[in-house]
């Protein structure tokens, strides 16, 4: 069942927090918008599939594969925000920073270096479990 509009958090900063104006300010905001491990997992799946499809697109010069890569990458991310995190994807307000952060989070996870970033920047306490 789709979340009610009132249940969806937006990426707008809380009244006590100013919206990010630099990428260094955006990164902690981004991580907090991806606070649930399930959200991050769906992002990893979408990013991995998008990268594989992008490689296939380049190898075959297929425009359809390129389109599939874009759709796949965004579909997993947006579905995770709608049904797991219940917030509005930052892509709608910060498209370039969000794309950079998707890849940053993915490659930090792949290299085993995401956990310290989560510990440093997540506002919630307790284990994060990538």
Protein backbone atom coordinates (compact mmCIF):
# COMPACT_ATOMS: atom_id res chain seq x y z
CA UNK A 1 0.00 0.00 0.00
CA UNK A 2 1.36 3.40 -0.94
CA UNK A 3 2.21 5.75 1.90
CA UNK A 4 -0.16 8.57 2.61
CA UNK A 5 1.11 12.02 1.68
CA UNK A 6 1.27 12.94 5.36
CA UNK A 7 3.53 9.93 6.00
CA UNK A 8 6.17 10.94 3.47
CA UNK A 9 8.99 13.08 4.83
CA UNK A 10 10.32 15.70 2.50
CA UNK A 11 13.98 16.53 2.14
CA UNK A 12 13.37 20.05 3.38
CA UNK A 13 15.54 20.77 6.38
CA UNK A 14 13.96 21.12 9.78
CA UNK A 15 13.31 24.70 10.89
CA UNK A 16 16.43 24.62 13.07
CA UNK A 17 18.56 23.38 10.16
CA UNK A 18 19.41 25.37 7.08
CA UNK A 19 19.26 23.51 3.75
CA UNK A 20 22.66 22.35 2.50
CA UNK A 21 24.49 24.92 0.39
CA UNK A 22 27.72 22.99 -0.18
CA UNK A 23 28.41 19.35 -0.95
CA UNK A 24 30.15 18.97 2.41
CA UNK A 25 26.87 20.00 4.07
CA UNK A 26 24.83 17.82 1.71
CA UNK A 27 26.66 14.52 2.40
CA UNK A 28 25.48 14.16 6.06
CA UNK A 29 21.99 15.19 4.94
CA UNK A 30 22.10 12.52 2.22
CA UNK A 31 23.18 9.81 4.65
CA UNK A 32 20.36 10.73 7.01
CA UNK A 33 17.89 10.49 4.13
CA UNK A 34 19.21 6.91 3.69
CA UNK A 35 19.21 5.97 7.37
CA UNK A 36 17.51 2.58 6.99
CA UNK A 37 19.68 -0.34 5.85
CA UNK A 38 16.90 -1.55 3.54
CA UNK A 39 16.94 1.78 1.71
CA UNK A 40 20.67 1.55 1.20
CA UNK A 41 20.42 -2.08 0.04
CA UNK A 42 17.89 -1.17 -2.62
CA UNK A 43 20.16 1.67 -3.72
CA UNK A 44 23.08 -0.78 -3.99
CA UNK A 45 21.03 -3.13 -6.17
CA UNK A 46 19.90 -0.30 -8.42
CA UNK A 47 23.39 1.18 -8.71
CA UNK A 48 25.01 -2.19 -9.42
CA UNK A 49 22.44 -3.01 -12.09
CA UNK A 50 22.76 0.46 -13.59
CA UNK A 51 26.55 0.12 -13.80
CA UNK A 52 26.24 -3.35 -15.40
CA UNK A 53 23.70 -2.07 -17.92
CA UNK A 54 25.87 0.96 -18.63
CA UNK A 55 28.82 -1.33 -19.37
CA UNK A 56 26.62 -3.42 -21.68
CA UNK A 57 25.38 -0.26 -23.36
CA UNK A 58 28.93 0.88 -24.04
CA UNK A 59 29.99 -2.57 -25.25
CA UNK A 60 27.05 -2.91 -27.62
CA UNK A 61 26.42 0.79 -28.36
CA UNK A 62 22.81 0.17 -27.39
CA UNK A 63 20.71 3.19 -26.54
CA UNK A 64 18.09 0.89 -25.03
CA UNK A 65 20.62 -0.47 -22.56
CA UNK A 66 21.59 3.07 -21.61
CA UNK A 67 17.94 3.93 -21.02
CA UNK A 68 17.51 0.73 -18.98
CA UNK A 69 20.54 1.69 -16.87
CA UNK A 70 19.04 5.07 -16.03
CA UNK A 71 15.59 3.68 -15.30
CA UNK A 72 16.97 0.83 -13.21
CA UNK A 73 19.18 3.07 -11.11
CA UNK A 74 16.43 5.54 -10.32
CA UNK A 75 13.60 3.00 -9.95
CA UNK A 76 15.24 1.11 -7.09
CA UNK A 77 16.19 4.34 -5.36
CA UNK A 78 12.81 6.01 -5.68
CA UNK A 79 10.93 2.90 -4.61
CA UNK A 80 13.13 2.62 -1.53
CA UNK A 81 12.31 6.19 -0.57
CA UNK A 82 8.58 5.72 -1.15
CA UNK A 83 8.13 2.40 0.63
CA UNK A 84 11.04 2.00 3.06
CA UNK A 85 12.41 5.38 4.10
CA UNK A 86 9.11 7.19 3.44
CA UNK A 87 10.72 10.41 2.36
CA UNK A 88 11.08 12.40 -0.84
CA UNK A 89 14.23 11.56 -2.82
CA UNK A 90 16.84 14.30 -2.61
CA UNK A 91 17.24 13.87 -6.38
CA UNK A 92 14.26 16.15 -6.90
CA UNK A 93 15.98 19.07 -5.17
CA UNK A 94 19.68 18.23 -5.49
CA UNK A 95 20.03 16.09 -8.66
CA UNK A 96 23.79 16.35 -9.20
CA UNK A 97 24.79 16.03 -5.55
CA UNK A 98 22.40 13.09 -5.18
CA UNK A 99 23.89 11.26 -8.15
CA UNK A 100 27.42 11.85 -6.85
CA UNK A 101 26.33 10.66 -3.39
CA UNK A 102 24.66 7.53 -4.76
CA UNK A 103 27.97 6.47 -6.28
CA UNK A 104 29.94 7.62 -3.24
CA UNK A 105 27.75 5.59 -0.91
CA UNK A 106 27.92 2.55 -3.23
CA UNK A 107 31.70 2.59 -3.55
CA UNK A 108 32.20 3.23 0.17
CA UNK A 109 29.97 0.22 0.83
CA UNK A 110 31.81 -1.96 -1.72
CA UNK A 111 35.15 -1.04 -0.16
CA UNK A 112 33.90 -1.59 3.41
CA UNK A 113 34.36 2.07 4.35
CA UNK A 114 30.72 3.18 4.66
CA UNK A 115 30.20 2.22 8.32
CA UNK A 116 32.46 5.01 9.73
CA UNK A 117 30.63 7.57 7.58
CA UNK A 118 27.29 6.35 8.88
CA UNK A 119 28.51 6.38 12.48
CA UNK A 120 29.79 9.92 12.05
CA UNK A 121 26.79 11.41 10.28
CA UNK A 122 23.60 9.52 11.18
CA UNK A 123 21.45 11.31 13.72
CA UNK A 124 20.05 8.07 15.12
CA UNK A 125 22.03 5.99 17.58
CA UNK A 126 22.71 2.29 17.53
CA UNK A 127 24.23 -0.07 14.97
CA UNK A 128 23.70 0.87 11.34
CA UNK A 129 24.35 -2.49 9.64
CA UNK A 130 24.94 -1.67 6.00
